[in-house]
Amino acid sequence: MWHEARKHERKLRGMMVDYKKRAERRREYYEKILPGTGVRRAEM
């Protein structure tokens, strides 16, 4: 059964990486729209 846990682990890690990439892209997007403001959004 360890392979099932491993599969789930990889899926979770992928989701975390995707979340970080999206957060970075979102930050760059807001920085472009509102330069210099350093907009901070509440984390989910």
N, C-alpha and C. Protein backbone atom coordinates (compact mmCIF):
# COMPACT_ATOMS: atom_id res chain seq x y z
N MET A 1 0.80 -1.21 0.00
CA MET A 1 0.00 0.00 0.00
C MET A 1 0.84 1.27 0.00
N TRP A 2 2.13 1.15 0.24
CA TRP A 2 2.96 2.35 0.32
C TRP A 2 2.95 3.12 -0.99
N HIS A 3 2.77 2.41 -2.12
CA HIS A 3 2.78 3.12 -3.40
C HIS A 3 1.59 4.07 -3.53
N GLU A 4 0.45 3.73 -2.90
CA GLU A 4 -0.71 4.63 -2.92
C GLU A 4 -0.39 5.91 -2.15
N ALA A 5 0.25 5.74 -1.00
CA ALA A 5 0.61 6.91 -0.18
C ALA A 5 1.60 7.79 -0.94
N ARG A 6 2.54 7.15 -1.62
CA ARG A 6 3.54 7.86 -2.40
C ARG A 6 2.87 8.66 -3.52
N LYS A 7 1.92 8.05 -4.18
CA LYS A 7 1.19 8.70 -5.27
C LYS A 7 0.46 9.94 -4.74
N HIS A 8 -0.17 9.77 -3.59
CA HIS A 8 -0.90 10.88 -2.98
C HIS A 8 0.06 12.00 -2.58
N GLU A 9 1.23 11.62 -2.06
CA GLU A 9 2.26 12.58 -1.67
C GLU A 9 2.70 13.43 -2.86
N ARG A 10 2.95 12.76 -3.98
CA ARG A 10 3.38 13.47 -5.19
C ARG A 10 2.30 14.44 -5.66
N LYS A 11 1.05 14.00 -5.60
CA LYS A 11 -0.06 14.85 -6.01
C LYS A 11 -0.12 16.11 -5.14
N LEU A 12 0.01 15.92 -3.82
CA LEU A 12 -0.01 17.06 -2.90
C LEU A 12 1.14 18.01 -3.17
N ARG A 13 2.33 17.45 -3.38
CA ARG A 13 3.51 18.29 -3.63
C ARG A 13 3.28 19.12 -4.90
N GLY A 14 2.72 18.49 -5.93
CA GLY A 14 2.41 19.20 -7.17
C GLY A 14 1.44 20.34 -6.94
N MET A 15 0.44 20.10 -6.10
CA MET A 15 -0.54 21.15 -5.81
C MET A 15 0.12 22.31 -5.10
N MET A 16 1.03 22.03 -4.18
CA MET A 16 1.72 23.09 -3.45
C MET A 16 2.58 23.94 -4.39
N VAL A 17 3.29 23.27 -5.29
CA VAL A 17 4.14 23.97 -6.26
C VAL A 17 3.28 24.85 -7.15
N ASP A 18 2.14 24.31 -7.63
CA ASP A 18 1.24 25.09 -8.47
C ASP A 18 0.72 26.31 -7.72
N TYR A 19 0.39 26.14 -6.45
CA TYR A 19 -0.12 27.25 -5.66
C TYR A 19 0.92 28.35 -5.54
N LYS A 20 2.16 27.96 -5.29
CA LYS A 20 3.23 28.95 -5.17
C LYS A 20 3.45 29.69 -6.48
N LYS A 21 3.44 28.96 -7.59
CA LYS A 21 3.64 29.60 -8.90
C LYS A 21 2.51 30.58 -9.19
N ARG A 22 1.27 30.17 -8.89
CA ARG A 22 0.13 31.05 -9.13
C ARG A 22 0.22 32.29 -8.27
N ALA A 23 0.63 32.12 -7.01
CA ALA A 23 0.75 33.26 -6.10
C ALA A 23 1.79 34.24 -6.63
N GLU A 24 2.89 33.72 -7.13
CA GLU A 24 3.96 34.57 -7.67
C GLU A 24 3.46 35.34 -8.90
N ARG A 25 2.76 34.63 -9.80
CA ARG A 25 2.22 35.29 -10.99
C ARG A 25 1.22 36.36 -10.61
N ARG A 26 0.37 36.06 -9.61
CA ARG A 26 -0.64 37.03 -9.16
C ARG A 26 0.05 38.26 -8.60
N ARG A 27 1.13 38.07 -7.83
CA ARG A 27 1.85 39.19 -7.25
C ARG A 27 2.43 40.08 -8.35
N GLU A 28 3.03 39.46 -9.36
CA GLU A 28 3.60 40.23 -10.48
C GLU A 28 2.51 41.00 -11.21
N TYR A 29 1.36 40.38 -11.40
CA TYR A 29 0.24 41.02 -12.09
C TYR A 29 -0.21 42.26 -11.34
N TYR A 30 -0.41 42.15 -10.03
CA TYR A 30 -0.85 43.30 -9.25
C TYR A 30 0.22 44.38 -9.20
N GLU A 31 1.47 43.96 -9.17
CA GLU A 31 2.57 44.93 -9.15
C GLU A 31 2.57 45.73 -10.45
N LYS A 32 2.24 45.10 -11.57
CA LYS A 32 2.17 45.79 -12.85
C LYS A 32 1.03 46.81 -12.87
N ILE A 33 -0.12 46.40 -12.33
CA ILE A 33 -1.29 47.28 -12.34
C ILE A 33 -1.12 48.44 -11.36
N LEU A 34 -0.64 48.14 -10.16
CA LEU A 34 -0.49 49.16 -9.12
C LEU A 34 0.97 49.24 -8.71
N PRO A 35 1.83 49.79 -9.55
CA PRO A 35 3.26 49.80 -9.24
C PRO A 35 3.57 50.57 -7.97
N GLY A 36 4.49 50.01 -7.20
CA GLY A 36 4.98 50.71 -6.01
C GLY A 36 4.09 50.61 -4.78
N THR A 37 2.90 50.03 -4.91
CA THR A 37 2.02 49.98 -3.75
C THR A 37 2.31 48.78 -2.88
N GLY A 38 2.86 47.71 -3.46
CA GLY A 38 3.14 46.52 -2.67
C GLY A 38 1.88 45.95 -2.06
N VAL A 39 0.87 45.77 -2.89
CA VAL A 39 -0.43 45.28 -2.43
C VAL A 39 -0.27 43.93 -1.72
N ARG A 40 -0.83 43.84 -0.52
CA ARG A 40 -0.80 42.57 0.23
C ARG A 40 -2.22 42.04 0.32
N ARG A 41 -2.39 40.80 -0.06
CA ARG A 41 -3.72 40.19 0.06
C ARG A 41 -3.69 39.16 1.17
N ALA A 42 -4.80 39.00 1.86
CA ALA A 42 -4.88 37.98 2.92
C ALA A 42 -4.74 36.60 2.27
N GLU A 43 -3.89 35.77 2.84
CA GLU A 43 -3.70 34.42 2.32
C GLU A 43 -4.91 33.57 2.64
N MET A 44 -5.22 32.68 1.73
CA MET A 44 -6.40 31.81 1.93
C MET A 44 -6.17 30.82 3.03
